[in-house]
Amino acid sequence: MGDNLLAAAKTWRYAKKTNRTLVIVWTPSRYLADKRENAFSRFFKVPESIEGVPVIAEPSIDRLSALLISHPYFFSPRPDLRLILYKVSSKLRVNTDNLFKQRIRRRQEATDRIIDNP
């Protein structure tokens, strides 16, 4: 759970720096049977704000949100059909790993640049 706490702290810092609301979604969680239940709101009392940053941590999420959260590099900052096809092909056990590793890395770098330079 320490990695989740560290991620929440980093996200809080970003939200404070950019004057945004902190949304904490810890799903799916290895600690809960229901994979759509938000572990943060289950294990902690959700404050209204932390040092002036509003906090949202809903008890559970809908199916579409669960899909988007579980595959962030395929949908953010915009949908990438090639990466979605890669995910589907990997589920079908078609070996396409080498074709898409670089593309996934580029999307991660693009997302990092967006976060680092709001």
PDB file of N, CA and C in Angstrom:
ATOM      1  N   MET A   1       0.815  -1.189   0.000  1.00  0.00           N
ATOM      2  CA  MET A   1       0.000   0.000   0.000  1.00  0.00           C
ATOM      3  C   MET A   1       0.863   1.260   0.000  1.00  0.00           C
ATOM      4  N   GLY A   2       2.133   1.099   0.340  1.00  0.00           N
ATOM      5  CA  GLY A   2       3.034   2.247   0.367  1.00  0.00           C
ATOM      6  C   GLY A   2       3.162   2.934  -0.979  1.00  0.00           C
ATOM      7  N   ASP A   3       3.156   2.151  -2.071  1.00  0.00           N
ATOM      8  CA  ASP A   3       3.252   2.763  -3.393  1.00  0.00           C
ATOM      9  C   ASP A   3       2.017   3.605  -3.695  1.00  0.00           C
ATOM     10  N   ASN A   4       0.849   3.177  -3.215  1.00  0.00           N
ATOM     11  CA  ASN A   4      -0.373   3.966  -3.403  1.00  0.00           C
ATOM     12  C   ASN A   4      -0.298   5.278  -2.626  1.00  0.00           C
ATOM     13  N   LEU A   5       0.225   5.209  -1.401  1.00  0.00           N
ATOM     14  CA  LEU A   5       0.352   6.430  -0.594  1.00  0.00           C
ATOM     15  C   LEU A   5       1.330   7.408  -1.236  1.00  0.00           C
ATOM     16  N   LEU A   6       2.432   6.891  -1.760  1.00  0.00           N
ATOM     17  CA  LEU A   6       3.404   7.747  -2.442  1.00  0.00           C
ATOM     18  C   LEU A   6       2.786   8.391  -3.682  1.00  0.00           C
ATOM     19  N   ALA A   7       2.031   7.609  -4.448  1.00  0.00           N
ATOM     20  CA  ALA A   7       1.367   8.152  -5.633  1.00  0.00           C
ATOM     21  C   ALA A   7       0.360   9.233  -5.250  1.00  0.00           C
ATOM     22  N   ALA A   8      -0.385   9.018  -4.171  1.00  0.00           N
ATOM     23  CA  ALA A   8      -1.354  10.023  -3.720  1.00  0.00           C
ATOM     24  C   ALA A   8      -0.644  11.304  -3.296  1.00  0.00           C
ATOM     25  N   ALA A   9       0.497  11.161  -2.624  1.00  0.00           N
ATOM     26  CA  ALA A   9       1.255  12.343  -2.201  1.00  0.00           C
ATOM     27  C   ALA A   9       1.775  13.122  -3.406  1.00  0.00           C
ATOM     28  N   LYS A  10       2.288  12.428  -4.396  1.00  0.00           N
ATOM     29  CA  LYS A  10       2.784  13.098  -5.605  1.00  0.00           C
ATOM     30  C   LYS A  10       1.638  13.771  -6.361  1.00  0.00           C
ATOM     31  N   THR A  11       0.506  13.094  -6.421  1.00  0.00           N
ATOM     32  CA  THR A  11      -0.644  13.655  -7.115  1.00  0.00           C
ATOM     33  C   THR A  11      -1.186  14.869  -6.369  1.00  0.00           C
ATOM     34  N   TRP A  12      -1.163  14.818  -5.030  1.00  0.00           N
ATOM     35  CA  TRP A  12      -1.588  15.973  -4.243  1.00  0.00           C
ATOM     36  C   TRP A  12      -0.691  17.168  -4.558  1.00  0.00           C
ATOM     37  N   ARG A  13       0.612  16.928  -4.629  1.00  0.00           N
ATOM     38  CA  ARG A  13       1.560  18.014  -4.930  1.00  0.00           C
ATOM     39  C   ARG A  13       1.250  18.633  -6.298  1.00  0.00           C
ATOM     40  N   TYR A  14       0.992  17.779  -7.289  1.00  0.00           N
ATOM     41  CA  TYR A  14       0.655  18.272  -8.629  1.00  0.00           C
ATOM     42  C   TYR A  14      -0.656  19.068  -8.589  1.00  0.00           C
ATOM     43  N   ALA A  15      -1.663  18.546  -7.886  1.00  0.00           N
ATOM     44  CA  ALA A  15      -2.949  19.247  -7.796  1.00  0.00           C
ATOM     45  C   ALA A  15      -2.787  20.606  -7.125  1.00  0.00           C
ATOM     46  N   LYS A  16      -1.981  20.669  -6.086  1.00  0.00           N
ATOM     47  CA  LYS A  16      -1.744  21.940  -5.390  1.00  0.00           C
ATOM     48  C   LYS A  16      -1.023  22.927  -6.310  1.00  0.00           C
ATOM     49  N   LYS A  17      -0.009  22.434  -7.017  1.00  0.00           N
ATOM     50  CA  LYS A  17       0.788  23.287  -7.901  1.00  0.00           C
ATOM     51  C   LYS A  17      -0.038  23.844  -9.057  1.00  0.00           C
ATOM     52  N   THR A  18      -0.995  23.067  -9.547  1.00  0.00           N
ATOM     53  CA  THR A  18      -1.784  23.468 -10.714  1.00  0.00           C
ATOM     54  C   THR A  18      -3.189  23.934 -10.361  1.00  0.00           C
ATOM     55  N   ASN A  19      -3.454  24.074  -9.041  1.00  0.00           N
ATOM     56  CA  ASN A  19      -4.758  24.559  -8.572  1.00  0.00           C
ATOM     57  C   ASN A  19      -5.907  23.669  -9.066  1.00  0.00           C
ATOM     58  N   ARG A  20      -5.752  22.360  -8.858  1.00  0.00           N
ATOM     59  CA  ARG A  20      -6.766  21.392  -9.282  1.00  0.00           C
ATOM     60  C   ARG A  20      -7.287  20.602  -8.093  1.00  0.00           C
ATOM     61  N   THR A  21      -8.303  19.823  -8.343  1.00  0.00           N
ATOM     62  CA  THR A  21      -8.862  18.928  -7.336  1.00  0.00           C
ATOM     63  C   THR A  21      -8.103  17.611  -7.353  1.00  0.00           C
ATOM     64  N   LEU A  22      -7.843  17.063  -6.183  1.00  0.00           N
ATOM     65  CA  LEU A  22      -7.186  15.767  -6.064  1.00  0.00           C
ATOM     66  C   LEU A  22      -8.243  14.672  -6.114  1.00  0.00           C
ATOM     67  N   VAL A  23      -8.134  13.793  -7.101  1.00  0.00           N
ATOM     68  CA  VAL A  23      -9.044  12.661  -7.233  1.00  0.00           C
ATOM     69  C   VAL A  23      -8.234  11.403  -6.954  1.00  0.00           C
ATOM     70  N   ILE A  24      -8.619  10.665  -5.930  1.00  0.00           N
ATOM     71  CA  ILE A  24      -7.887   9.458  -5.548  1.00  0.00           C
ATOM     72  C   ILE A  24      -8.727   8.239  -5.901  1.00  0.00           C
ATOM     73  N   VAL A  25      -8.194   7.414  -6.785  1.00  0.00           N
ATOM     74  CA  VAL A  25      -8.876   6.194  -7.216  1.00  0.00           C
ATOM     75  C   VAL A  25      -7.878   5.054  -7.111  1.00  0.00           C
ATOM     76  N   TRP A  26      -8.063   4.215  -6.129  1.00  0.00           N
ATOM     77  CA  TRP A  26      -7.188   3.056  -5.939  1.00  0.00           C
ATOM     78  C   TRP A  26      -7.949   1.803  -6.360  1.00  0.00           C
ATOM     79  N   THR A  27      -8.181   1.684  -7.639  1.00  0.00           N
ATOM     80  CA  THR A  27      -8.825   0.493  -8.191  1.00  0.00           C
ATOM     81  C   THR A  27      -8.043   0.048  -9.414  1.00  0.00           C
ATOM     82  N   PRO A  28      -7.989  -1.188  -9.726  1.00  0.00           N
ATOM     83  CA  PRO A  28      -8.371  -2.296  -8.860  1.00  0.00           C
ATOM     84  C   PRO A  28      -7.368  -2.430  -7.732  1.00  0.00           C
ATOM     85  N   SER A  29      -7.807  -2.979  -6.623  1.00  0.00           N
ATOM     86  CA  SER A  29      -6.930  -3.139  -5.467  1.00  0.00           C
ATOM     87  C   SER A  29      -6.750  -4.613  -5.138  1.00  0.00           C
ATOM     88  N   ARG A  30      -5.525  -4.984  -4.883  1.00  0.00           N
ATOM     89  CA  ARG A  30      -5.261  -6.379  -4.490  1.00  0.00           C
ATOM     90  C   ARG A  30      -5.798  -6.671  -3.097  1.00  0.00           C
ATOM     91  N   TYR A  31      -6.175  -5.630  -2.367  1.00  0.00           N
ATOM     92  CA  TYR A  31      -6.654  -5.803  -1.000  1.00  0.00           C
ATOM     93  C   TYR A  31      -8.167  -5.994  -0.900  1.00  0.00           C
ATOM     94  N   LEU A  32      -8.882  -5.822  -2.016  1.00  0.00           N
ATOM     95  CA  LEU A  32     -10.346  -5.922  -2.003  1.00  0.00           C
ATOM     96  C   LEU A  32     -10.830  -6.906  -3.070  1.00  0.00           C
ATOM     97  N   ALA A  33     -11.883  -7.631  -2.755  1.00  0.00           N
ATOM     98  CA  ALA A  33     -12.440  -8.600  -3.699  1.00  0.00           C
ATOM     99  C   ALA A  33     -13.128  -7.887  -4.871  1.00  0.00           C
ATOM    100  N   ASP A  34     -13.868  -6.816  -4.594  1.00  0.00           N
ATOM    101  CA  ASP A  34     -14.545  -6.058  -5.648  1.00  0.00           C
ATOM    102  C   ASP A  34     -13.539  -5.113  -6.286  1.00  0.00           C
ATOM    103  N   LYS A  35     -13.170  -5.390  -7.521  1.00  0.00           N
ATOM    104  CA  LYS A  35     -12.122  -4.619  -8.206  1.00  0.00           C
ATOM    105  C   LYS A  35     -12.558  -3.207  -8.579  1.00  0.00           C
ATOM    106  N   ARG A  36     -13.859  -2.900  -8.475  1.00  0.00           N
ATOM    107  CA  ARG A  36     -14.317  -1.541  -8.752  1.00  0.00           C
ATOM    108  C   ARG A  36     -14.466  -0.715  -7.485  1.00  0.00           C
ATOM    109  N   GLU A  37     -14.223  -1.319  -6.323  1.00  0.00           N
ATOM    110  CA  GLU A  37     -14.300  -0.584  -5.063  1.00  0.00           C
ATOM    111  C   GLU A  37     -13.001   0.191  -4.848  1.00  0.00           C
ATOM    112  N   ASN A  38     -13.120   1.440  -4.441  1.00  0.00           N
ATOM    113  CA  ASN A  38     -11.970   2.310  -4.223  1.00  0.00           C
ATOM    114  C   ASN A  38     -11.361   2.000  -2.852  1.00  0.00           C
ATOM    115  N   ALA A  39     -10.148   1.469  -2.847  1.00  0.00           N
ATOM    116  CA  ALA A  39      -9.496   1.078  -1.596  1.00  0.00           C
ATOM    117  C   ALA A  39      -9.227   2.284  -0.696  1.00  0.00           C
ATOM    118  N   PHE A  40      -8.948   3.442  -1.280  1.00  0.00           N
ATOM    119  CA  PHE A  40      -8.658   4.609  -0.455  1.00  0.00           C
ATOM    120  C   PHE A  40      -9.845   4.946   0.439  1.00  0.00           C
ATOM    121  N   SER A  41     -11.029   5.050  -0.163  1.00  0.00           N
ATOM    122  CA  SER A  41     -12.204   5.412   0.636  1.00  0.00           C
ATOM    123  C   SER A  41     -12.632   4.277   1.560  1.00  0.00           C
ATOM    124  N   ARG A  42     -12.182   3.081   1.288  1.00  0.00           N
ATOM    125  CA  ARG A  42     -12.484   1.949   2.179  1.00  0.00           C
ATOM    126  C   ARG A  42     -11.592   1.969   3.426  1.00  0.00           C
ATOM    127  N   PHE A  43     -10.302   2.314   3.246  1.00  0.00           N
ATOM    128  CA  PHE A  43      -9.346   2.235   4.348  1.00  0.00           C
ATOM    129  C   PHE A  43      -9.095   3.559   5.073  1.00  0.00           C
ATOM    130  N   PHE A  44      -9.478   4.673   4.442  1.00  0.00           N
ATOM    131  CA  PHE A  44      -9.221   5.981   5.047  1.00  0.00           C
ATOM    132  C   PHE A  44     -10.483   6.832   5.021  1.00  0.00           C
ATOM    133  N   LYS A  45     -10.575   7.738   5.998  1.00  0.00           N
ATOM    134  CA  LYS A  45     -11.644   8.729   5.968  1.00  0.00           C
ATOM    135  C   LYS A  45     -11.237   9.775   4.923  1.00  0.00           C
ATOM    136  N   VAL A  46     -12.120  10.035   3.988  1.00  0.00           N
ATOM    137  CA  VAL A  46     -11.814  10.977   2.910  1.00  0.00           C
ATOM    138  C   VAL A  46     -12.049  12.405   3.397  1.00  0.00           C
ATOM    139  N   PRO A  47     -10.983  13.217   3.443  1.00  0.00           N
ATOM    140  CA  PRO A  47     -11.152  14.610   3.880  1.00  0.00           C
ATOM    141  C   PRO A  47     -11.769  15.452   2.768  1.00  0.00           C
ATOM    142  N   GLU A  48     -12.385  16.571   3.163  1.00  0.00           N
ATOM    143  CA  GLU A  48     -12.920  17.498   2.156  1.00  0.00           C
ATOM    144  C   GLU A  48     -11.783  18.135   1.362  1.00  0.00           C
ATOM    145  N   SER A  49     -10.667  18.419   2.069  1.00  0.00           N
ATOM    146  CA  SER A  49      -9.508  19.012   1.411  1.00  0.00           C
ATOM    147  C   SER A  49      -8.259  18.704   2.224  1.00  0.00           C
ATOM    148  N   ILE A  50      -7.114  18.832   1.562  1.00  0.00           N
ATOM    149  CA  ILE A  50      -5.815  18.686   2.220  1.00  0.00           C
ATOM    150  C   ILE A  50      -5.024  19.943   1.890  1.00  0.00           C
ATOM    151  N   GLU A  51      -4.789  20.772   2.898  1.00  0.00           N
ATOM    152  CA  GLU A  51      -4.088  22.047   2.738  1.00  0.00           C
ATOM    153  C   GLU A  51      -4.633  22.864   1.568  1.00  0.00           C
ATOM    154  N   GLY A  52      -5.945  22.977   1.509  1.00  0.00           N
ATOM    155  CA  GLY A  52      -6.587  23.803   0.498  1.00  0.00           C
ATOM    156  C   GLY A  52      -6.869  23.098  -0.823  1.00  0.00           C
ATOM    157  N   VAL A  53      -6.430  21.861  -0.989  1.00  0.00           N
ATOM    158  CA  VAL A  53      -6.687  21.108  -2.215  1.00  0.00           C
ATOM    159  C   VAL A  53      -7.929  20.238  -1.998  1.00  0.00           C
ATOM    160  N   PRO A  54      -9.011  20.487  -2.749  1.00  0.00           N
ATOM    161  CA  PRO A  54     -10.213  19.655  -2.607  1.00  0.00           C
ATOM    162  C   PRO A  54      -9.897  18.194  -2.951  1.00  0.00           C
ATOM    163  N   VAL A  55     -10.540  17.259  -2.234  1.00  0.00           N
ATOM    164  CA  VAL A  55     -10.285  15.826  -2.427  1.00  0.00           C
ATOM    165  C   VAL A  55     -11.580  15.113  -2.798  1.00  0.00           C
ATOM    166  N   ILE A  56     -11.482  14.268  -3.824  1.00  0.00           N
ATOM    167  CA  ILE A  56     -12.595  13.401  -4.212  1.00  0.00           C
ATOM    168  C   ILE A  56     -12.068  11.971  -4.210  1.00  0.00           C
ATOM    169  N   ALA A  57     -12.791  11.080  -3.524  1.00  0.00           N
ATOM    170  CA  ALA A  57     -12.454   9.646  -3.522  1.00  0.00           C
ATOM    171  C   ALA A  57     -13.772   8.888  -3.405  1.00  0.00           C
ATOM    172  N   GLU A  58     -14.397   8.640  -4.534  1.00  0.00           N
ATOM    173  CA  GLU A  58     -15.688   7.946  -4.546  1.00  0.00           C
ATOM    174  C   GLU A  58     -15.519   6.506  -4.058  1.00  0.00           C
ATOM    175  N   PRO A  59     -16.537   5.928  -3.431  1.00  0.00           N
ATOM    176  CA  PRO A  59     -16.439   4.563  -2.920  1.00  0.00           C
ATOM    177  C   PRO A  59     -16.219   3.507  -4.006  1.00  0.00           C
ATOM    178  N   SER A  60     -16.760   3.732  -5.204  1.00  0.00           N
ATOM    179  CA  SER A  60     -16.555   2.765  -6.297  1.00  0.00           C
ATOM    180  C   SER A  60     -16.622   3.503  -7.627  1.00  0.00           C
ATOM    181  N   ILE A  61     -16.209   2.810  -8.690  1.00  0.00           N
ATOM    182  CA  ILE A  61     -16.216   3.428 -10.020  1.00  0.00           C
ATOM    183  C   ILE A  61     -17.036   2.576 -10.979  1.00  0.00           C
ATOM    184  N   ASP A  62     -17.495   3.207 -12.064  1.00  0.00           N
ATOM    185  CA  ASP A  62     -18.279   2.489 -13.061  1.00  0.00           C
ATOM    186  C   ASP A  62     -17.348   1.703 -13.995  1.00  0.00           C
ATOM    187  N   ARG A  63     -17.912   0.876 -14.854  1.00  0.00           N
ATOM    188  CA  ARG A  63     -17.115  -0.007 -15.719  1.00  0.00           C
ATOM    189  C   ARG A  63     -16.247   0.761 -16.715  1.00  0.00           C
ATOM    190  N   LEU A  64     -16.779   1.819 -17.316  1.00  0.00           N
ATOM    191  CA  LEU A  64     -15.990   2.583 -18.280  1.00  0.00           C
ATOM    192  C   LEU A  64     -14.791   3.225 -17.597  1.00  0.00           C
ATOM    193  N   SER A  65     -15.004   3.813 -16.438  1.00  0.00           N
ATOM    194  CA  SER A  65     -13.892   4.416 -15.698  1.00  0.00           C
ATOM    195  C   SER A  65     -12.862   3.366 -15.316  1.00  0.00           C
ATOM    196  N   ALA A  66     -13.322   2.182 -14.934  1.00  0.00           N
ATOM    197  CA  ALA A  66     -12.399   1.093 -14.588  1.00  0.00           C
ATOM    198  C   ALA A  66     -11.526   0.734 -15.788  1.00  0.00           C
ATOM    199  N   LEU A  67     -12.118   0.689 -16.975  1.00  0.00           N
ATOM    200  CA  LEU A  67     -11.354   0.388 -18.193  1.00  0.00           C
ATOM    201  C   LEU A  67     -10.321   1.477 -18.461  1.00  0.00           C
ATOM    202  N   LEU A  68     -10.731   2.737 -18.376  1.00  0.00           N
ATOM    203  CA  LEU A  68      -9.816   3.840 -18.652  1.00  0.00           C
ATOM    204  C   LEU A  68      -8.679   3.902 -17.639  1.00  0.00           C
ATOM    205  N   ILE A  69      -8.975   3.615 -16.386  1.00  0.00           N
ATOM    206  CA  ILE A  69      -7.954   3.659 -15.343  1.00  0.00           C
ATOM    207  C   ILE A  69      -6.983   2.492 -15.473  1.00  0.00           C
ATOM    208  N   SER A  70      -7.486   1.325 -15.841  1.00  0.00           N
ATOM    209  CA  SER A  70      -6.613   0.150 -15.907  1.00  0.00           C
ATOM    210  C   SER A  70      -5.705   0.164 -17.134  1.00  0.00           C
ATOM    211  N   HIS A  71      -5.996   1.006 -18.118  1.00  0.00           N
ATOM    212  CA  HIS A  71      -5.164   1.085 -19.323  1.00  0.00           C
ATOM    213  C   HIS A  71      -4.855   2.538 -19.676  1.00  0.00           C
ATOM    214  N   PRO A  72      -4.182   3.279 -18.775  1.00  0.00           N
ATOM    215  CA  PRO A  72      -4.005   4.716 -18.999  1.00  0.00           C
ATOM    216  C   PRO A  72      -3.157   5.058 -20.219  1.00  0.00           C
ATOM    217  N   TYR A  73      -2.185   4.252 -20.564  1.00  0.00           N
ATOM    218  CA  TYR A  73      -1.311   4.594 -21.679  1.00  0.00           C
ATOM    219  C   TYR A  73      -1.981   4.384 -23.023  1.00  0.00           C
ATOM    220  N   PHE A  74      -3.115   3.699 -23.053  1.00  0.00           N
ATOM    221  CA  PHE A  74      -3.828   3.491 -24.298  1.00  0.00           C
ATOM    222  C   PHE A  74      -4.813   4.619 -24.577  1.00  0.00           C
ATOM    223  N   PHE A  75      -5.260   5.320 -23.518  1.00  0.00           N
ATOM    224  CA  PHE A  75      -6.292   6.338 -23.679  1.00  0.00           C
ATOM    225  C   PHE A  75      -5.837   7.758 -23.377  1.00  0.00           C
ATOM    226  N   SER A  76      -4.711   7.949 -22.701  1.00  0.00           N
ATOM    227  CA  SER A  76      -4.256   9.282 -22.368  1.00  0.00           C
ATOM    228  C   SER A  76      -2.954   9.592 -23.050  1.00  0.00           C
ATOM    229  N   PRO A  77      -2.675  10.756 -23.487  1.00  0.00           N
ATOM    230  CA  PRO A  77      -3.551  11.920 -23.436  1.00  0.00           C
ATOM    231  C   PRO A  77      -4.661  11.879 -24.477  1.00  0.00           C
ATOM    232  N   ARG A  78      -4.626  10.939 -25.402  1.00  0.00           N
ATOM    233  CA  ARG A  78      -5.726  10.733 -26.357  1.00  0.00           C
ATOM    234  C   ARG A  78      -5.707   9.252 -26.743  1.00  0.00           C
ATOM    235  N   PRO A  79      -6.834   8.712 -27.216  1.00  0.00           N
ATOM    236  CA  PRO A  79      -6.860   7.291 -27.573  1.00  0.00           C
ATOM    237  C   PRO A  79      -5.858   6.961 -28.681  1.00  0.00           C
ATOM    238  N   ASP A  80      -5.200   5.838 -28.549  1.00  0.00           N
ATOM    239  CA  ASP A  80      -4.241   5.361 -29.546  1.00  0.00           C
ATOM    240  C   ASP A  80      -4.703   3.980 -30.018  1.00  0.00           C
ATOM    241  N   LEU A  81      -5.285   3.932 -31.193  1.00  0.00           N
ATOM    242  CA  LEU A  81      -5.870   2.683 -31.685  1.00  0.00           C
ATOM    243  C   LEU A  81      -4.836   1.575 -31.828  1.00  0.00           C
ATOM    244  N   ARG A  82      -3.602   1.920 -32.197  1.00  0.00           N
ATOM    245  CA  ARG A  82      -2.572   0.879 -32.326  1.00  0.00           C
ATOM    246  C   ARG A  82      -2.287   0.217 -30.995  1.00  0.00           C
ATOM    247  N   LEU A  83      -2.236   1.014 -29.928  1.00  0.00           N
ATOM    248  CA  LEU A  83      -1.982   0.434 -28.618  1.00  0.00           C
ATOM    249  C   LEU A  83      -3.179  -0.369 -28.110  1.00  0.00           C
ATOM    250  N   ILE A  84      -4.376   0.049 -28.460  1.00  0.00           N
ATOM    251  CA  ILE A  84      -5.560  -0.726 -28.092  1.00  0.00           C
ATOM    252  C   ILE A  84      -5.529  -2.076 -28.812  1.00  0.00           C
ATOM    253  N   LEU A  85      -5.182  -2.065 -30.101  1.00  0.00           N
ATOM    254  CA  LEU A  85      -5.051  -3.323 -30.845  1.00  0.00           C
ATOM    255  C   LEU A  85      -3.954  -4.195 -30.259  1.00  0.00           C
ATOM    256  N   TYR A  86      -2.871  -3.579 -29.809  1.00  0.00           N
ATOM    257  CA  TYR A  86      -1.803  -4.326 -29.159  1.00  0.00           C
ATOM    258  C   TYR A  86      -2.333  -5.034 -27.920  1.00  0.00           C
ATOM    259  N   LYS A  87      -3.105  -4.333 -27.117  1.00  0.00           N
ATOM    260  CA  LYS A  87      -3.655  -4.925 -25.900  1.00  0.00           C
ATOM    261  C   LYS A  87      -4.553  -6.110 -26.240  1.00  0.00           C
ATOM    262  N   VAL A  88      -5.394  -5.943 -27.251  1.00  0.00           N
ATOM    263  CA  VAL A  88      -6.284  -7.031 -27.663  1.00  0.00           C
ATOM    264  C   VAL A  88      -5.466  -8.210 -28.178  1.00  0.00           C
ATOM    265  N   SER A  89      -4.460  -7.944 -29.017  1.00  0.00           N
ATOM    266  CA  SER A  89      -3.645  -9.035 -29.565  1.00  0.00           C
ATOM    267  C   SER A  89      -2.852  -9.748 -28.478  1.00  0.00           C
ATOM    268  N   SER A  90      -2.412  -9.014 -27.455  1.00  0.00           N
ATOM    269  CA  SER A  90      -1.679  -9.673 -26.370  1.00  0.00           C
ATOM    270  C   SER A  90      -2.610 -10.583 -25.571  1.00  0.00           C
ATOM    271  N   LYS A  91      -3.880 -10.203 -25.445  1.00  0.00           N
ATOM    272  CA  LYS A  91      -4.853 -11.074 -24.769  1.00  0.00           C
ATOM    273  C   LYS A  91      -5.091 -12.343 -25.581  1.00  0.00           C
ATOM    274  N   LEU A  92      -4.963 -12.229 -26.905  1.00  0.00           N
ATOM    275  CA  LEU A  92      -5.131 -13.392 -27.784  1.00  0.00           C
ATOM    276  C   LEU A  92      -3.834 -14.182 -27.934  1.00  0.00           C
ATOM    277  N   ARG A  93      -2.806 -13.731 -27.212  1.00  0.00           N
ATOM    278  CA  ARG A  93      -1.492 -14.372 -27.196  1.00  0.00           C
ATOM    279  C   ARG A  93      -0.757 -14.296 -28.539  1.00  0.00           C
ATOM    280  N   VAL A  94      -0.996 -13.225 -29.270  1.00  0.00           N
ATOM    281  CA  VAL A  94      -0.237 -12.952 -30.487  1.00  0.00           C
ATOM    282  C   VAL A  94       0.990 -12.160 -30.049  1.00  0.00           C
ATOM    283  N   ASN A  95       2.186 -12.578 -30.450  1.00  0.00           N
ATOM    284  CA  ASN A  95       3.416 -11.939 -29.994  1.00  0.00           C
ATOM    285  C   ASN A  95       3.684 -10.656 -30.777  1.00  0.00           C
ATOM    286  N   THR A  96       3.319  -9.530 -30.173  1.00  0.00           N
ATOM    287  CA  THR A  96       3.548  -8.221 -30.796  1.00  0.00           C
ATOM    288  C   THR A  96       4.322  -7.301 -29.865  1.00  0.00           C
ATOM    289  N   ASP A  97       4.928  -7.870 -28.822  1.00  0.00           N
ATOM    290  CA  ASP A  97       5.601  -7.047 -27.813  1.00  0.00           C
ATOM    291  C   ASP A  97       6.638  -6.111 -28.398  1.00  0.00           C
ATOM    292  N   ASN A  98       7.524  -6.620 -29.246  1.00  0.00           N
ATOM    293  CA  ASN A  98       8.603  -5.792 -29.768  1.00  0.00           C
ATOM    294  C   ASN A  98       8.099  -4.646 -30.639  1.00  0.00           C
ATOM    295  N   LEU A  99       6.962  -4.839 -31.291  1.00  0.00           N
ATOM    296  CA  LEU A  99       6.425  -3.800 -32.169  1.00  0.00           C
ATOM    297  C   LEU A  99       5.919  -2.578 -31.401  1.00  0.00           C
ATOM    298  N   PHE A 100       5.486  -2.779 -30.164  1.00  0.00           N
ATOM    299  CA  PHE A 100       4.811  -1.693 -29.464  1.00  0.00           C
ATOM    300  C   PHE A 100       5.531  -1.175 -28.232  1.00  0.00           C
ATOM    301  N   LYS A 101       6.623  -1.792 -27.802  1.00  0.00           N
ATOM    302  CA  LYS A 101       7.331  -1.318 -26.611  1.00  0.00           C
ATOM    303  C   LYS A 101       7.785   0.134 -26.770  1.00  0.00           C
ATOM    304  N   GLN A 102       8.335   0.451 -27.920  1.00  0.00           N
ATOM    305  CA  GLN A 102       8.811   1.826 -28.140  1.00  0.00           C
ATOM    306  C   GLN A 102       7.635   2.805 -28.162  1.00  0.00           C
ATOM    307  N   ARG A 103       6.517   2.416 -28.758  1.00  0.00           N
ATOM    308  CA  ARG A 103       5.349   3.293 -28.817  1.00  0.00           C
ATOM    309  C   ARG A 103       4.800   3.562 -27.414  1.00  0.00           C
ATOM    310  N   ILE A 104       4.746   2.532 -26.582  1.00  0.00           N
ATOM    311  CA  ILE A 104       4.276   2.708 -25.212  1.00  0.00           C
ATOM    312  C   ILE A 104       5.227   3.629 -24.456  1.00  0.00           C
ATOM    313  N   ARG A 105       6.535   3.448 -24.652  1.00  0.00           N
ATOM    314  CA  ARG A 105       7.515   4.305 -23.981  1.00  0.00           C
ATOM    315  C   ARG A 105       7.348   5.762 -24.410  1.00  0.00           C
ATOM    316  N   ARG A 106       7.103   6.007 -25.707  1.00  0.00           N
ATOM    317  CA  ARG A 106       6.902   7.384 -26.180  1.00  0.00           C
ATOM    318  C   ARG A 106       5.654   8.003 -25.555  1.00  0.00           C
ATOM    319  N   ARG A 107       4.595   7.219 -25.421  1.00  0.00           N
ATOM    320  CA  ARG A 107       3.367   7.744 -24.806  1.00  0.00           C
ATOM    321  C   ARG A 107       3.597   8.042 -23.335  1.00  0.00           C
ATOM    322  N   GLN A 108       4.365   7.207 -22.643  1.00  0.00           N
ATOM    323  CA  GLN A 108       4.678   7.477 -21.248  1.00  0.00           C
ATOM    324  C   GLN A 108       5.466   8.770 -21.124  1.00  0.00           C
ATOM    325  N   GLU A 109       6.420   8.980 -22.022  1.00  0.00           N
ATOM    326  CA  GLU A 109       7.210  10.211 -22.010  1.00  0.00           C
ATOM    327  C   GLU A 109       6.332  11.428 -22.291  1.00  0.00           C
ATOM    328  N   ALA A 110       5.392  11.287 -23.231  1.00  0.00           N
ATOM    329  CA  ALA A 110       4.481  12.391 -23.549  1.00  0.00           C
ATOM    330  C   ALA A 110       3.608  12.726 -22.343  1.00  0.00           C
ATOM    331  N   THR A 111       3.112  11.711 -21.671  1.00  0.00           N
ATOM    332  CA  THR A 111       2.289  11.934 -20.483  1.00  0.00           C
ATOM    333  C   THR A 111       3.115  12.597 -19.391  1.00  0.00           C
ATOM    334  N   ASP A 112       4.356  12.146 -19.199  1.00  0.00           N
ATOM    335  CA  ASP A 112       5.233  12.765 -18.196  1.00  0.00           C
ATOM    336  C   ASP A 112       5.477  14.240 -18.517  1.00  0.00           C
ATOM    337  N   ARG A 113       5.668  14.563 -19.804  1.00  0.00           N
ATOM    338  CA  ARG A 113       5.890  15.968 -20.176  1.00  0.00           C
ATOM    339  C   ARG A 113       4.667  16.816 -19.866  1.00  0.00           C
ATOM    340  N   ILE A 114       3.477  16.270 -20.096  1.00  0.00           N
ATOM    341  CA  ILE A 114       2.242  17.008 -19.793  1.00  0.00           C
ATOM    342  C   ILE A 114       2.139  17.267 -18.303  1.00  0.00           C
ATOM    343  N   ILE A 115       2.464  16.254 -17.499  1.00  0.00           N
ATOM    344  CA  ILE A 115       2.374  16.406 -16.044  1.00  0.00           C
ATOM    345  C   ILE A 115       3.444  17.354 -15.519  1.00  0.00           C
ATOM    346  N   ASP A 116       4.661  17.259 -16.056  1.00  0.00           N
ATOM    347  CA  ASP A 116       5.760  18.089 -15.561  1.00  0.00           C
ATOM    348  C   ASP A 116       5.680  19.543 -15.998  1.00  0.00           C
ATOM    349  N   ASN A 117       4.996  19.810 -17.125  1.00  0.00           N
ATOM    350  CA  ASN A 117       4.894  21.176 -17.649  1.00  0.00           C
ATOM    351  C   ASN A 117       3.439  21.528 -17.901  1.00  0.00           C
ATOM    352  N   PRO A 118       2.661  21.787 -16.842  1.00  0.00           N
ATOM    353  CA  PRO A 118       1.218  22.037 -17.009  1.00  0.00           C
ATOM    354  C   PRO A 118       0.921  23.287 -17.803  1.00  0.00           C
TER     355      PRO A 118
END
